[in-house]
Amino acid sequence: MSEQLLIKHTRETLKNISMKSMIIFFYSYGHSNATAIIGNSSVILIDTLDPNEYSQDLLNYLKKYTDKPAKTLIYTHSHPYHRRGAGTFRDTVEKVIIYQPPNYCVISSMSSFIL
């Protein structure tokens, strides 16, 4: 499927959102999904979509519900389409949590996960 067809499909697909108890699910952004958990003082994001255009859409939509910053990112696994949008949140993120299966090589540079 060409990139243009993928973009067209994504824009035509229902993508936002189910909200229950301050948990927002972002789905059908290309082949990525994300979850935002709005806490007392900040937002926890589980995955950050791919590319930055989608993560910016996520941030803009999130601003409709809260002015709290995203301070924690959780990556469910290391595939780039789960973390490439993290740059959108680099000004507010304080903590990155990366799922690491047993016997998996640890990455020494965190900058590749938030820039």
N, C-alpha and C. Protein backbone atom coordinates (compact mmCIF):
# COMPACT_ATOMS: atom_id res chain seq x y z
N MET A 1 0.85 -1.17 0.00
CA MET A 1 0.00 0.00 0.00
C MET A 1 0.90 1.24 0.00
N SER A 2 0.63 2.18 -0.87
CA SER A 2 1.47 3.37 -0.93
C SER A 2 1.23 4.25 0.30
N GLU A 3 2.18 5.12 0.53
CA GLU A 3 2.08 6.02 1.67
C GLU A 3 0.83 6.90 1.58
N GLN A 4 0.51 7.40 0.39
CA GLN A 4 -0.68 8.25 0.22
C GLN A 4 -1.97 7.49 0.53
N LEU A 5 -2.05 6.23 0.11
CA LEU A 5 -3.24 5.43 0.42
C LEU A 5 -3.35 5.18 1.92
N LEU A 6 -2.21 4.95 2.57
CA LEU A 6 -2.22 4.74 4.01
C LEU A 6 -2.70 6.00 4.73
N ILE A 7 -2.22 7.15 4.30
CA ILE A 7 -2.65 8.42 4.91
C ILE A 7 -4.15 8.63 4.69
N LYS A 8 -4.62 8.38 3.47
CA LYS A 8 -6.05 8.52 3.15
C LYS A 8 -6.89 7.59 4.02
N HIS A 9 -6.47 6.35 4.13
CA HIS A 9 -7.20 5.37 4.95
C HIS A 9 -7.27 5.83 6.40
N THR A 10 -6.14 6.31 6.92
CA THR A 10 -6.09 6.75 8.31
C THR A 10 -7.03 7.91 8.55
N ARG A 11 -7.04 8.87 7.65
CA ARG A 11 -7.91 10.04 7.82
C ARG A 11 -9.38 9.69 7.72
N GLU A 12 -9.70 8.66 6.97
CA GLU A 12 -11.10 8.28 6.79
C GLU A 12 -11.60 7.33 7.87
N THR A 13 -10.71 6.77 8.63
CA THR A 13 -11.06 5.79 9.64
C THR A 13 -11.38 6.50 10.95
N LEU A 14 -12.40 6.04 11.62
CA LEU A 14 -12.72 6.57 12.95
C LEU A 14 -11.53 6.33 13.85
N LYS A 15 -10.97 7.39 14.41
CA LYS A 15 -9.77 7.20 15.17
C LYS A 15 -9.84 7.65 16.61
N ASN A 16 -10.73 8.49 16.95
CA ASN A 16 -10.80 8.92 18.33
C ASN A 16 -12.15 8.50 18.85
N ILE A 17 -12.25 8.16 19.83
CA ILE A 17 -11.61 7.94 21.10
C ILE A 17 -12.69 7.42 22.01
N SER A 18 -12.32 6.65 22.94
CA SER A 18 -13.24 6.18 23.96
C SER A 18 -12.71 6.73 25.28
N MET A 19 -13.55 7.34 26.07
CA MET A 19 -13.08 7.93 27.31
C MET A 19 -13.89 7.40 28.48
N LYS A 20 -13.19 6.83 29.43
CA LYS A 20 -13.79 6.34 30.67
C LYS A 20 -12.81 6.65 31.79
N SER A 21 -13.27 7.30 32.83
CA SER A 21 -12.46 7.57 34.01
C SER A 21 -11.10 8.16 33.68
N MET A 22 -11.07 9.13 32.79
CA MET A 22 -9.86 9.85 32.44
C MET A 22 -8.79 8.97 31.76
N ILE A 23 -9.23 7.96 31.08
CA ILE A 23 -8.35 7.16 30.23
C ILE A 23 -8.84 7.35 28.81
N ILE A 24 -7.94 7.76 27.93
CA ILE A 24 -8.32 8.02 26.54
C ILE A 24 -7.53 7.08 25.64
N PHE A 25 -8.22 6.40 24.76
CA PHE A 25 -7.59 5.49 23.80
C PHE A 25 -7.55 6.18 22.44
N PHE A 26 -6.37 6.20 21.83
CA PHE A 26 -6.18 6.73 20.49
C PHE A 26 -5.89 5.54 19.59
N TYR A 27 -6.78 5.26 18.65
CA TYR A 27 -6.58 4.08 17.83
C TYR A 27 -6.78 4.39 16.36
N SER A 28 -6.22 3.52 15.53
CA SER A 28 -6.29 3.62 14.07
C SER A 28 -5.55 4.84 13.53
N TYR A 29 -4.43 5.17 14.14
CA TYR A 29 -3.52 6.16 13.58
C TYR A 29 -2.49 5.38 12.78
N GLY A 30 -2.77 5.18 11.49
CA GLY A 30 -1.90 4.30 10.71
C GLY A 30 -1.96 2.92 11.33
N HIS A 31 -0.83 2.42 11.75
CA HIS A 31 -0.79 1.11 12.40
C HIS A 31 -0.43 1.25 13.88
N SER A 32 -0.61 2.45 14.43
CA SER A 32 -0.26 2.70 15.83
C SER A 32 -1.49 2.99 16.68
N ASN A 33 -1.35 2.75 17.96
CA ASN A 33 -2.35 3.08 18.96
C ASN A 33 -1.62 3.70 20.14
N ALA A 34 -2.33 4.44 20.95
CA ALA A 34 -1.76 5.01 22.17
C ALA A 34 -2.85 5.13 23.22
N THR A 35 -2.43 5.25 24.46
CA THR A 35 -3.36 5.44 25.57
C THR A 35 -2.85 6.57 26.45
N ALA A 36 -3.73 7.45 26.87
CA ALA A 36 -3.38 8.52 27.80
C ALA A 36 -4.14 8.30 29.09
N ILE A 37 -3.43 8.36 30.19
CA ILE A 37 -4.03 8.25 31.52
C ILE A 37 -3.82 9.60 32.19
N ILE A 38 -4.93 10.29 32.46
CA ILE A 38 -4.85 11.61 33.06
C ILE A 38 -4.87 11.46 34.57
N GLY A 39 -3.76 11.81 35.19
CA GLY A 39 -3.63 11.70 36.64
C GLY A 39 -3.93 13.01 37.33
N ASN A 40 -3.62 13.08 38.62
CA ASN A 40 -3.90 14.28 39.40
C ASN A 40 -3.09 15.49 38.95
N SER A 41 -1.84 15.25 38.55
CA SER A 41 -0.98 16.38 38.20
C SER A 41 -0.35 16.29 36.81
N SER A 42 -0.47 15.13 36.17
CA SER A 42 0.15 14.98 34.85
C SER A 42 -0.51 13.84 34.09
N VAL A 43 -0.02 13.63 32.87
CA VAL A 43 -0.53 12.59 31.98
C VAL A 43 0.54 11.53 31.79
N ILE A 44 0.12 10.27 31.81
CA ILE A 44 0.97 9.14 31.45
C ILE A 44 0.55 8.70 30.05
N LEU A 45 1.51 8.61 29.15
CA LEU A 45 1.22 8.12 27.80
C LEU A 45 1.80 6.74 27.61
N ILE A 46 0.98 5.85 27.11
CA ILE A 46 1.43 4.50 26.77
C ILE A 46 1.55 4.47 25.25
N ASP A 47 2.79 4.46 24.77
CA ASP A 47 3.17 4.57 23.37
C ASP A 47 2.84 5.98 22.86
N THR A 48 3.50 6.37 21.77
CA THR A 48 3.40 7.77 21.34
C THR A 48 3.09 7.93 19.85
N LEU A 49 2.65 6.88 19.20
CA LEU A 49 2.27 6.92 17.79
C LEU A 49 3.48 7.17 16.88
N ASP A 50 3.24 7.12 15.60
CA ASP A 50 4.26 7.31 14.58
C ASP A 50 3.57 7.76 13.32
N PRO A 51 3.94 8.81 12.72
CA PRO A 51 5.05 9.74 12.96
C PRO A 51 4.64 10.89 13.87
N ASN A 52 5.48 11.92 13.94
CA ASN A 52 5.20 13.07 14.80
C ASN A 52 3.88 13.76 14.45
N GLU A 53 3.46 13.70 13.20
CA GLU A 53 2.18 14.29 12.79
C GLU A 53 1.04 13.68 13.61
N TYR A 54 1.08 12.37 13.80
CA TYR A 54 0.04 11.70 14.59
C TYR A 54 0.16 12.03 16.07
N SER A 55 1.39 12.07 16.58
CA SER A 55 1.54 12.38 18.00
C SER A 55 1.13 13.82 18.28
N GLN A 56 1.31 14.72 17.31
CA GLN A 56 0.83 16.10 17.48
C GLN A 56 -0.70 16.12 17.50
N ASP A 57 -1.34 15.29 16.65
CA ASP A 57 -2.80 15.16 16.70
C ASP A 57 -3.24 14.67 18.08
N LEU A 58 -2.52 13.69 18.62
CA LEU A 58 -2.82 13.16 19.95
C LEU A 58 -2.74 14.28 20.98
N LEU A 59 -1.66 15.06 20.95
CA LEU A 59 -1.48 16.15 21.90
C LEU A 59 -2.58 17.19 21.77
N ASN A 60 -2.92 17.57 20.55
CA ASN A 60 -3.98 18.56 20.34
C ASN A 60 -5.32 18.08 20.87
N TYR A 61 -5.63 16.80 20.65
CA TYR A 61 -6.88 16.26 21.15
C TYR A 61 -6.86 16.18 22.68
N LEU A 62 -5.73 15.78 23.23
CA LEU A 62 -5.59 15.67 24.68
C LEU A 62 -5.80 17.02 25.35
N LYS A 63 -5.36 18.10 24.71
CA LYS A 63 -5.51 19.45 25.27
C LYS A 63 -6.97 19.86 25.41
N LYS A 64 -7.88 19.18 24.69
CA LYS A 64 -9.30 19.46 24.85
C LYS A 64 -9.82 18.99 26.21
N TYR A 65 -9.11 18.04 26.82
CA TYR A 65 -9.56 17.44 28.08
C TYR A 65 -8.75 17.85 29.29
N THR A 66 -7.49 18.27 29.07
CA THR A 66 -6.65 18.62 30.21
C THR A 66 -5.54 19.55 29.78
N ASP A 67 -5.09 20.35 30.74
CA ASP A 67 -3.92 21.19 30.49
C ASP A 67 -2.69 20.61 31.19
N LYS A 68 -2.84 19.41 31.75
CA LYS A 68 -1.73 18.75 32.45
C LYS A 68 -0.71 18.25 31.43
N PRO A 69 0.58 18.36 31.75
CA PRO A 69 1.62 17.91 30.82
C PRO A 69 1.80 16.39 30.85
N ALA A 70 2.27 15.86 29.74
CA ALA A 70 2.66 14.45 29.69
C ALA A 70 4.05 14.34 30.30
N LYS A 71 4.14 13.73 31.47
CA LYS A 71 5.42 13.63 32.17
C LYS A 71 6.02 12.23 32.13
N THR A 72 5.20 11.23 31.82
CA THR A 72 5.70 9.86 31.80
C THR A 72 5.29 9.19 30.49
N LEU A 73 6.27 8.55 29.85
CA LEU A 73 6.01 7.73 28.66
C LEU A 73 6.29 6.28 29.02
N ILE A 74 5.40 5.41 28.58
CA ILE A 74 5.60 3.97 28.75
C ILE A 74 5.57 3.36 27.35
N TYR A 75 6.63 2.65 27.00
CA TYR A 75 6.67 1.95 25.71
C TYR A 75 6.36 0.48 25.95
N THR A 76 5.35 -0.03 25.24
CA THR A 76 4.96 -1.42 25.41
C THR A 76 5.98 -2.38 24.82
N HIS A 77 6.66 -1.94 23.76
CA HIS A 77 7.80 -2.68 23.23
C HIS A 77 8.60 -1.77 22.32
N SER A 78 9.70 -2.26 21.81
CA SER A 78 10.70 -1.39 21.20
C SER A 78 10.49 -1.05 19.73
N HIS A 79 9.44 -1.53 19.09
CA HIS A 79 9.23 -1.20 17.69
C HIS A 79 9.09 0.31 17.51
N PRO A 80 9.72 0.87 16.49
CA PRO A 80 9.72 2.33 16.31
C PRO A 80 8.34 2.96 16.23
N TYR A 81 7.36 2.27 15.67
CA TYR A 81 6.04 2.89 15.54
C TYR A 81 5.33 3.06 16.88
N HIS A 82 5.92 2.59 17.95
CA HIS A 82 5.37 2.81 19.29
C HIS A 82 6.03 3.98 19.99
N ARG A 83 7.16 4.46 19.45
CA ARG A 83 7.92 5.49 20.15
C ARG A 83 8.39 6.65 19.29
N ARG A 84 8.23 6.60 17.99
CA ARG A 84 8.76 7.67 17.14
C ARG A 84 8.10 9.02 17.38
N GLY A 85 6.89 9.04 17.87
CA GLY A 85 6.22 10.31 18.13
C GLY A 85 6.60 10.96 19.45
N ALA A 86 7.54 10.38 20.16
CA ALA A 86 7.91 10.89 21.48
C ALA A 86 8.47 12.30 21.45
N GLY A 87 9.06 12.70 20.35
CA GLY A 87 9.63 14.04 20.27
C GLY A 87 8.61 15.14 20.51
N THR A 88 7.36 14.87 20.22
CA THR A 88 6.29 15.84 20.46
C THR A 88 6.19 16.20 21.95
N PHE A 89 6.62 15.30 22.82
CA PHE A 89 6.47 15.49 24.27
C PHE A 89 7.79 15.76 24.98
N ARG A 90 8.85 16.01 24.23
CA ARG A 90 10.19 16.13 24.84
C ARG A 90 10.32 17.28 25.82
N ASP A 91 9.50 18.32 25.70
CA ASP A 91 9.61 19.46 26.62
C ASP A 91 9.01 19.19 28.00
N THR A 92 8.16 18.18 28.11
CA THR A 92 7.50 17.93 29.40
C THR A 92 7.86 16.59 30.04
N VAL A 93 8.34 15.64 29.25
CA VAL A 93 8.59 14.29 29.77
C VAL A 93 9.75 14.28 30.77
N GLU A 94 9.50 13.62 31.89
CA GLU A 94 10.51 13.47 32.93
C GLU A 94 10.94 12.02 33.12
N LYS A 95 10.09 11.08 32.68
CA LYS A 95 10.40 9.67 32.91
C LYS A 95 9.94 8.85 31.72
N VAL A 96 10.81 7.91 31.30
CA VAL A 96 10.48 6.98 30.23
C VAL A 96 10.61 5.57 30.79
N ILE A 97 9.55 4.79 30.65
CA ILE A 97 9.55 3.41 31.12
C ILE A 97 9.47 2.51 29.89
N ILE A 98 10.42 1.61 29.79
CA ILE A 98 10.50 0.74 28.62
C ILE A 98 10.32 -0.70 29.06
N TYR A 99 9.33 -1.36 28.46
CA TYR A 99 9.16 -2.79 28.74
C TYR A 99 10.38 -3.52 28.23
N GLN A 100 10.94 -4.38 29.07
CA GLN A 100 12.11 -5.15 28.67
C GLN A 100 11.89 -6.61 29.02
N PRO A 101 11.72 -7.46 28.01
CA PRO A 101 11.56 -8.88 28.31
C PRO A 101 12.84 -9.46 28.90
N PRO A 102 12.75 -10.57 29.59
CA PRO A 102 13.94 -11.20 30.17
C PRO A 102 14.97 -11.50 29.08
N ASN A 103 16.24 -11.36 29.44
CA ASN A 103 17.38 -11.66 28.55
C ASN A 103 17.44 -10.76 27.32
N TYR A 104 16.87 -9.57 27.42
CA TYR A 104 16.86 -8.63 26.30
C TYR A 104 17.99 -7.63 26.50
N CYS A 105 18.64 -7.24 25.44
CA CYS A 105 19.75 -6.30 25.50
C CYS A 105 19.25 -4.92 25.92
N VAL A 106 19.89 -4.32 26.91
CA VAL A 106 19.52 -3.00 27.38
C VAL A 106 20.16 -1.94 26.48
N ILE A 107 19.39 -0.95 26.10
CA ILE A 107 19.91 0.14 25.28
C ILE A 107 20.49 1.19 26.22
N SER A 108 21.70 1.62 25.94
CA SER A 108 22.39 2.51 26.87
C SER A 108 22.01 3.98 26.71
N SER A 109 21.52 4.39 25.57
CA SER A 109 21.21 5.80 25.35
C SER A 109 19.70 6.02 25.36
N MET A 110 19.25 6.80 26.33
CA MET A 110 17.83 7.12 26.43
C MET A 110 17.43 8.17 25.40
N SER A 111 18.39 8.94 24.90
CA SER A 111 18.04 10.04 23.99
C SER A 111 17.34 9.54 22.74
N SER A 112 17.63 8.33 22.31
CA SER A 112 16.97 7.81 21.11
C SER A 112 15.49 7.51 21.35
N PHE A 113 15.09 7.49 22.60
CA PHE A 113 13.69 7.18 22.91
C PHE A 113 12.84 8.42 23.14
N ILE A 114 13.46 9.59 23.32
CA ILE A 114 12.65 10.77 23.56
C ILE A 114 12.93 11.90 22.59
N LEU A 115 13.83 11.73 21.67
CA LEU A 115 14.12 12.81 20.71
C LEU A 115 13.60 12.48 19.34
